[in-house]
Amino acid sequence: MSTTPTRGAARAATAETAPELTLFEVSRCCAVQTGFIVEMIEEGALAPLAGNEPGSWRFTSVQTRRVTVAARLQRDLGVNLAGAALALQLLDEVETLRAQLAASMLADPD
């Protein structure tokens, strides 16, 4: 039996130890305008960890990846923000199902 953590567990551990980023840092890191990130929040595709105002918002590396994926969906496929939000939700569900499958396979190797 393997003791290697699943990808989801590894990401969760990394996200816990990674520094939180500001709105400006996420914008710069993902090469998007801050307005794009604000629109994602308004659409419900992203939620800041902390802060009530844009200047005090904080984001994790997982959230930064969501911004990058949404921006690519818009740029490469012409998907609107609502469509990108749906795609992100479906990707989250796929990852959850894969983690559940991997866990069940580890628990019952037959």
C-alpha atoms as a PDB file:
ATOM      1  CA  MET A   1       0.000   0.000   0.000  1.00  0.00           C
ATOM      2  CA  SER A   2       1.336   3.415  -0.937  1.00  0.00           C
ATOM      3  CA  THR A   3       1.653   6.260   1.552  1.00  0.00           C
ATOM      4  CA  THR A   4       2.047   8.880  -1.153  1.00  0.00           C
ATOM      5  CA  PRO A   5      -0.531  11.649  -0.663  1.00  0.00           C
ATOM      6  CA  THR A   6      -3.082  12.257  -3.393  1.00  0.00           C
ATOM      7  CA  ARG A   7      -2.708  15.315  -5.609  1.00  0.00           C
ATOM      8  CA  GLY A   8      -5.572  16.992  -3.766  1.00  0.00           C
ATOM      9  CA  ALA A   9      -3.947  16.386  -0.386  1.00  0.00           C
ATOM     10  CA  ALA A  10      -0.624  17.677  -1.675  1.00  0.00           C
ATOM     11  CA  ARG A  11      -2.309  20.817  -3.015  1.00  0.00           C
ATOM     12  CA  ALA A  12      -4.124  21.382   0.267  1.00  0.00           C
ATOM     13  CA  ALA A  13      -0.875  21.087   2.223  1.00  0.00           C
ATOM     14  CA  THR A  14       0.857  23.467  -0.167  1.00  0.00           C
ATOM     15  CA  ALA A  15      -2.010  25.969   0.010  1.00  0.00           C
ATOM     16  CA  GLU A  16      -1.828  25.975   3.812  1.00  0.00           C
ATOM     17  CA  THR A  17       1.866  26.854   3.847  1.00  0.00           C
ATOM     18  CA  ALA A  18       1.893  29.262   0.903  1.00  0.00           C
ATOM     19  CA  PRO A  19       1.738  32.980   1.614  1.00  0.00           C
ATOM     20  CA  GLU A  20      -1.481  34.814   0.949  1.00  0.00           C
ATOM     21  CA  LEU A  21      -1.422  37.271  -1.944  1.00  0.00           C
ATOM     22  CA  THR A  22      -3.026  40.678  -2.287  1.00  0.00           C
ATOM     23  CA  LEU A  23      -5.350  41.672  -5.121  1.00  0.00           C
ATOM     24  CA  PHE A  24      -2.492  43.496  -6.845  1.00  0.00           C
ATOM     25  CA  GLU A  25      -0.125  40.524  -6.479  1.00  0.00           C
ATOM     26  CA  VAL A  26      -2.673  38.105  -7.949  1.00  0.00           C
ATOM     27  CA  SER A  27      -3.356  40.541 -10.785  1.00  0.00           C
ATOM     28  CA  ARG A  28       0.334  40.812 -11.575  1.00  0.00           C
ATOM     29  CA  CYS A  29       0.990  37.082 -11.175  1.00  0.00           C
ATOM     30  CA  CYS A  30      -1.893  36.103 -13.492  1.00  0.00           C
ATOM     31  CA  ALA A  31      -1.351  38.966 -15.949  1.00  0.00           C
ATOM     32  CA  VAL A  32      -4.954  40.186 -15.608  1.00  0.00           C
ATOM     33  CA  GLN A  33      -6.510  43.487 -14.613  1.00  0.00           C
ATOM     34  CA  THR A  34      -7.728  43.798 -11.022  1.00  0.00           C
ATOM     35  CA  GLY A  35     -11.179  44.465 -12.472  1.00  0.00           C
ATOM     36  CA  PHE A  36     -11.213  40.924 -13.882  1.00  0.00           C
ATOM     37  CA  ILE A  37     -10.633  39.516 -10.384  1.00  0.00           C
ATOM     38  CA  VAL A  38     -13.349  41.763  -8.950  1.00  0.00           C
ATOM     39  CA  GLU A  39     -15.737  40.495 -11.650  1.00  0.00           C
ATOM     40  CA  MET A  40     -14.863  36.902 -10.710  1.00  0.00           C
ATOM     41  CA  ILE A  41     -15.737  37.672  -7.099  1.00  0.00           C
ATOM     42  CA  GLU A  42     -19.014  39.292  -8.138  1.00  0.00           C
ATOM     43  CA  GLU A  43     -19.819  36.229 -10.296  1.00  0.00           C
ATOM     44  CA  GLY A  44     -19.144  33.921  -7.338  1.00  0.00           C
ATOM     45  CA  ALA A  45     -16.218  32.194  -9.046  1.00  0.00           C
ATOM     46  CA  LEU A  46     -13.734  33.445  -6.455  1.00  0.00           C
ATOM     47  CA  ALA A  47     -13.899  34.482  -2.813  1.00  0.00           C
ATOM     48  CA  PRO A  48     -11.145  36.356  -0.989  1.00  0.00           C
ATOM     49  CA  LEU A  49      -9.938  34.780   2.242  1.00  0.00           C
ATOM     50  CA  ALA A  50      -9.933  37.947   4.243  1.00  0.00           C
ATOM     51  CA  GLY A  51     -10.831  41.582   4.047  1.00  0.00           C
ATOM     52  CA  ASN A  52     -13.922  43.609   3.295  1.00  0.00           C
ATOM     53  CA  GLU A  53     -12.354  45.995   0.814  1.00  0.00           C
ATOM     54  CA  PRO A  54     -10.257  45.217  -2.282  1.00  0.00           C
ATOM     55  CA  GLY A  55      -7.154  46.648  -0.618  1.00  0.00           C
ATOM     56  CA  SER A  56      -7.377  44.159   2.242  1.00  0.00           C
ATOM     57  CA  TRP A  57      -8.400  41.057   0.267  1.00  0.00           C
ATOM     58  CA  ARG A  58      -6.097  38.047   0.481  1.00  0.00           C
ATOM     59  CA  PHE A  59      -5.922  35.068  -1.871  1.00  0.00           C
ATOM     60  CA  THR A  60      -4.268  31.631  -1.816  1.00  0.00           C
ATOM     61  CA  SER A  61      -2.243  29.985  -4.547  1.00  0.00           C
ATOM     62  CA  VAL A  62      -5.280  27.783  -5.305  1.00  0.00           C
ATOM     63  CA  GLN A  63      -7.373  30.900  -5.895  1.00  0.00           C
ATOM     64  CA  THR A  64      -4.610  32.346  -8.048  1.00  0.00           C
ATOM     65  CA  ARG A  65      -4.770  29.223 -10.197  1.00  0.00           C
ATOM     66  CA  ARG A  66      -8.545  29.736 -10.570  1.00  0.00           C
ATOM     67  CA  VAL A  67      -7.907  33.245 -11.875  1.00  0.00           C
ATOM     68  CA  THR A  68      -5.369  31.906 -14.370  1.00  0.00           C
ATOM     69  CA  VAL A  69      -7.735  29.184 -15.610  1.00  0.00           C
ATOM     70  CA  ALA A  70     -10.644  31.634 -15.965  1.00  0.00           C
ATOM     71  CA  ALA A  71      -8.457  34.089 -17.878  1.00  0.00           C
ATOM     72  CA  ARG A  72      -7.286  31.322 -20.239  1.00  0.00           C
ATOM     73  CA  LEU A  73     -10.858  30.162 -20.835  1.00  0.00           C
ATOM     74  CA  GLN A  74     -11.812  33.691 -21.804  1.00  0.00           C
ATOM     75  CA  ARG A  75      -8.733  34.380 -23.896  1.00  0.00           C
ATOM     76  CA  ASP A  76      -8.343  31.033 -25.668  1.00  0.00           C
ATOM     77  CA  LEU A  77     -11.940  29.873 -25.990  1.00  0.00           C
ATOM     78  CA  GLY A  78     -13.963  33.081 -25.800  1.00  0.00           C
ATOM     79  CA  VAL A  79     -15.881  31.815 -22.756  1.00  0.00           C
ATOM     80  CA  ASN A  80     -17.712  34.537 -20.835  1.00  0.00           C
ATOM     81  CA  LEU A  81     -17.201  34.898 -17.087  1.00  0.00           C
ATOM     82  CA  ALA A  82     -20.374  32.967 -16.191  1.00  0.00           C
ATOM     83  CA  GLY A  83     -19.182  30.101 -18.397  1.00  0.00           C
ATOM     84  CA  ALA A  84     -15.726  30.233 -16.831  1.00  0.00           C
ATOM     85  CA  ALA A  85     -17.301  30.113 -13.349  1.00  0.00           C
ATOM     86  CA  LEU A  86     -19.268  27.009 -14.369  1.00  0.00           C
ATOM     87  CA  ALA A  87     -16.155  25.387 -15.846  1.00  0.00           C
ATOM     88  CA  LEU A  88     -14.231  26.065 -12.623  1.00  0.00           C
ATOM     89  CA  GLN A  89     -17.031  24.511 -10.581  1.00  0.00           C
ATOM     90  CA  LEU A  90     -17.031  21.422 -12.792  1.00  0.00           C
ATOM     91  CA  LEU A  91     -13.238  21.138 -12.580  1.00  0.00           C
ATOM     92  CA  ASP A  92     -13.516  21.277  -8.767  1.00  0.00           C
ATOM     93  CA  GLU A  93     -16.098  18.473  -8.847  1.00  0.00           C
ATOM     94  CA  VAL A  94     -13.893  16.339 -11.100  1.00  0.00           C
ATOM     95  CA  GLU A  95     -10.945  16.825  -8.743  1.00  0.00           C
ATOM     96  CA  THR A  96     -13.103  15.897  -5.733  1.00  0.00           C
ATOM     97  CA  LEU A  97     -14.356  12.754  -7.467  1.00  0.00           C
ATOM     98  CA  ARG A  98     -10.813  11.769  -8.450  1.00  0.00           C
ATOM     99  CA  ALA A  99      -9.645  12.212  -4.853  1.00  0.00           C
ATOM    100  CA  GLN A 100     -12.564  10.096  -3.595  1.00  0.00           C
ATOM    101  CA  LEU A 101     -11.793   7.403  -6.152  1.00  0.00           C
ATOM    102  CA  ALA A 102      -8.104   7.375  -5.218  1.00  0.00           C
ATOM    103  CA  ALA A 103      -8.976   7.167  -1.523  1.00  0.00           C
ATOM    104  CA  SER A 104     -11.363   4.295  -2.093  1.00  0.00           C
ATOM    105  CA  MET A 105      -8.777   2.464  -4.191  1.00  0.00           C
ATOM    106  CA  LEU A 106      -6.221   2.842  -1.396  1.00  0.00           C
ATOM    107  CA  ALA A 107      -8.713   1.627   1.206  1.00  0.00           C
ATOM    108  CA  ASP A 108      -9.832  -1.380  -0.867  1.00  0.00           C
ATOM    109  CA  PRO A 109      -7.005  -2.489  -3.187  1.00  0.00           C
ATOM    110  CA  ASP A 110      -9.022  -5.471  -4.519  1.00  0.00           C
END
